[in-house]
Amino acid sequence: MTDLAGNRSRADAPEAQCILPGKVECLRWVALGKDATEIAAILNISPHTTRDYLKSVHYKLDCVSSAQAVTKAIRLGLLTL
């Protein structure tokens, strides 16, 4: 999506386009203070899957921590608090 000046929106950034909604949902719960076990119970997935999703998000956003990934996802428009 572009604005009137032809600039892409942050949600159209390559980093944002390659992250699946379920992985963004895991990151949203991290932003709300939940750990992998709690997120797994909420989303009805295994804690292992939750950790894999978060590792994938870290890699795709080029982040070393969940805090950094949450911050970057907010800046890209993937998360709103």
C-alpha atoms as a PDB file:
ATOM      1  CA  MET A   1       0.000   0.000   0.000  1.00  0.00           C
ATOM      2  CA  THR A   2       1.291   3.462  -0.823  1.00  0.00           C
ATOM      3  CA  ASP A   3       0.339   6.941   0.284  1.00  0.00           C
ATOM      4  CA  LEU A   4      -0.386   9.865  -2.044  1.00  0.00           C
ATOM      5  CA  ALA A   5       3.342  10.609  -2.348  1.00  0.00           C
ATOM      6  CA  GLY A   6       4.034   7.043  -3.473  1.00  0.00           C
ATOM      7  CA  ASN A   7       5.693   5.961  -0.224  1.00  0.00           C
ATOM      8  CA  ARG A   8       5.080   2.456   1.082  1.00  0.00           C
ATOM      9  CA  SER A   9       3.389   2.121   4.451  1.00  0.00           C
ATOM     10  CA  ARG A  10       5.377   0.482   7.226  1.00  0.00           C
ATOM     11  CA  ALA A  11       3.056  -2.549   7.165  1.00  0.00           C
ATOM     12  CA  ASP A  12       4.176  -3.132   3.560  1.00  0.00           C
ATOM     13  CA  ALA A  13       7.837  -3.363   4.592  1.00  0.00           C
ATOM     14  CA  PRO A  14       9.443  -6.666   3.559  1.00  0.00           C
ATOM     15  CA  GLU A  15       9.910  -7.627   7.213  1.00  0.00           C
ATOM     16  CA  ALA A  16       6.204  -7.190   7.895  1.00  0.00           C
ATOM     17  CA  GLN A  17       5.013  -9.110   4.838  1.00  0.00           C
ATOM     18  CA  CYS A  18       6.821 -12.354   5.637  1.00  0.00           C
ATOM     19  CA  ILE A  19       5.526 -12.855   9.191  1.00  0.00           C
ATOM     20  CA  LEU A  20       2.434 -15.018   9.484  1.00  0.00           C
ATOM     21  CA  PRO A  21      -0.481 -13.803  11.632  1.00  0.00           C
ATOM     22  CA  GLY A  22      -0.070 -16.615  14.187  1.00  0.00           C
ATOM     23  CA  LYS A  23       3.510 -15.574  14.800  1.00  0.00           C
ATOM     24  CA  VAL A  24       2.474 -11.945  15.222  1.00  0.00           C
ATOM     25  CA  GLU A  25      -0.158 -13.128  17.708  1.00  0.00           C
ATOM     26  CA  CYS A  26       2.559 -14.850  19.767  1.00  0.00           C
ATOM     27  CA  LEU A  27       4.577 -11.648  19.747  1.00  0.00           C
ATOM     28  CA  ARG A  28       1.512  -9.654  20.837  1.00  0.00           C
ATOM     29  CA  TRP A  29       1.172 -11.882  23.891  1.00  0.00           C
ATOM     30  CA  VAL A  30       4.881 -11.408  24.643  1.00  0.00           C
ATOM     31  CA  ALA A  31       4.269  -7.655  24.541  1.00  0.00           C
ATOM     32  CA  LEU A  32       1.532  -8.194  27.129  1.00  0.00           C
ATOM     33  CA  GLY A  33       3.953  -9.966  29.456  1.00  0.00           C
ATOM     34  CA  LYS A  34       3.152 -13.622  28.798  1.00  0.00           C
ATOM     35  CA  ASP A  35       5.814 -16.349  28.622  1.00  0.00           C
ATOM     36  CA  ALA A  36       5.930 -19.263  26.156  1.00  0.00           C
ATOM     37  CA  THR A  37       3.974 -21.620  28.407  1.00  0.00           C
ATOM     38  CA  GLU A  38       1.196 -19.091  28.984  1.00  0.00           C
ATOM     39  CA  ILE A  39       1.029 -18.197  25.279  1.00  0.00           C
ATOM     40  CA  ALA A  40       0.846 -21.883  24.366  1.00  0.00           C
ATOM     41  CA  ALA A  41      -2.131 -22.362  26.672  1.00  0.00           C
ATOM     42  CA  ILE A  42      -3.887 -19.262  25.336  1.00  0.00           C
ATOM     43  CA  LEU A  43      -3.376 -20.201  21.672  1.00  0.00           C
ATOM     44  CA  ASN A  44      -3.827 -23.944  22.215  1.00  0.00           C
ATOM     45  CA  ILE A  45      -0.404 -24.796  20.765  1.00  0.00           C
ATOM     46  CA  SER A  46       2.635 -26.404  22.360  1.00  0.00           C
ATOM     47  CA  PRO A  47       5.255 -24.344  24.203  1.00  0.00           C
ATOM     48  CA  HIS A  48       7.799 -25.702  21.692  1.00  0.00           C
ATOM     49  CA  THR A  49       5.756 -24.284  18.796  1.00  0.00           C
ATOM     50  CA  THR A  50       5.463 -20.976  20.628  1.00  0.00           C
ATOM     51  CA  ARG A  51       9.235 -20.762  21.051  1.00  0.00           C
ATOM     52  CA  ASP A  52       9.747 -21.700  17.379  1.00  0.00           C
ATOM     53  CA  TYR A  53       7.321 -18.967  16.299  1.00  0.00           C
ATOM     54  CA  LEU A  54       9.150 -16.400  18.400  1.00  0.00           C
ATOM     55  CA  LYS A  55      12.558 -17.509  17.087  1.00  0.00           C
ATOM     56  CA  SER A  56      11.211 -17.103  13.560  1.00  0.00           C
ATOM     57  CA  VAL A  57       9.969 -13.591  14.339  1.00  0.00           C
ATOM     58  CA  HIS A  58      13.338 -12.672  15.867  1.00  0.00           C
ATOM     59  CA  TYR A  59      15.124 -13.912  12.745  1.00  0.00           C
ATOM     60  CA  LYS A  60      12.783 -12.200  10.273  1.00  0.00           C
ATOM     61  CA  LEU A  61      12.940  -8.898  12.131  1.00  0.00           C
ATOM     62  CA  ASP A  62      16.703  -9.239  12.696  1.00  0.00           C
ATOM     63  CA  CYS A  63      16.325  -9.013  16.481  1.00  0.00           C
ATOM     64  CA  VAL A  64      18.192 -10.688  19.330  1.00  0.00           C
ATOM     65  CA  SER A  65      15.483 -10.452  21.989  1.00  0.00           C
ATOM     66  CA  SER A  66      11.728 -10.417  22.333  1.00  0.00           C
ATOM     67  CA  ALA A  67      11.850  -6.860  23.666  1.00  0.00           C
ATOM     68  CA  GLN A  68      13.656  -5.738  20.531  1.00  0.00           C
ATOM     69  CA  ALA A  69      11.225  -7.698  18.327  1.00  0.00           C
ATOM     70  CA  VAL A  70       8.201  -6.131  20.032  1.00  0.00           C
ATOM     71  CA  THR A  71       9.665  -2.651  19.594  1.00  0.00           C
ATOM     72  CA  LYS A  72      10.450  -3.229  15.935  1.00  0.00           C
ATOM     73  CA  ALA A  73       7.029  -4.785  15.277  1.00  0.00           C
ATOM     74  CA  ILE A  74       5.358  -1.718  16.784  1.00  0.00           C
ATOM     75  CA  ARG A  75       7.463   0.588  14.597  1.00  0.00           C
ATOM     76  CA  LEU A  76       6.563  -1.477  11.504  1.00  0.00           C
ATOM     77  CA  GLY A  77       2.865  -1.359  12.348  1.00  0.00           C
ATOM     78  CA  LEU A  78       2.576  -5.099  13.019  1.00  0.00           C
ATOM     79  CA  LEU A  79       1.578  -4.567  16.647  1.00  0.00           C
ATOM     80  CA  THR A  80      -0.486  -1.943  18.361  1.00  0.00           C
ATOM     81  CA  LEU A  81      -0.793  -1.685  22.115  1.00  0.00           C
END
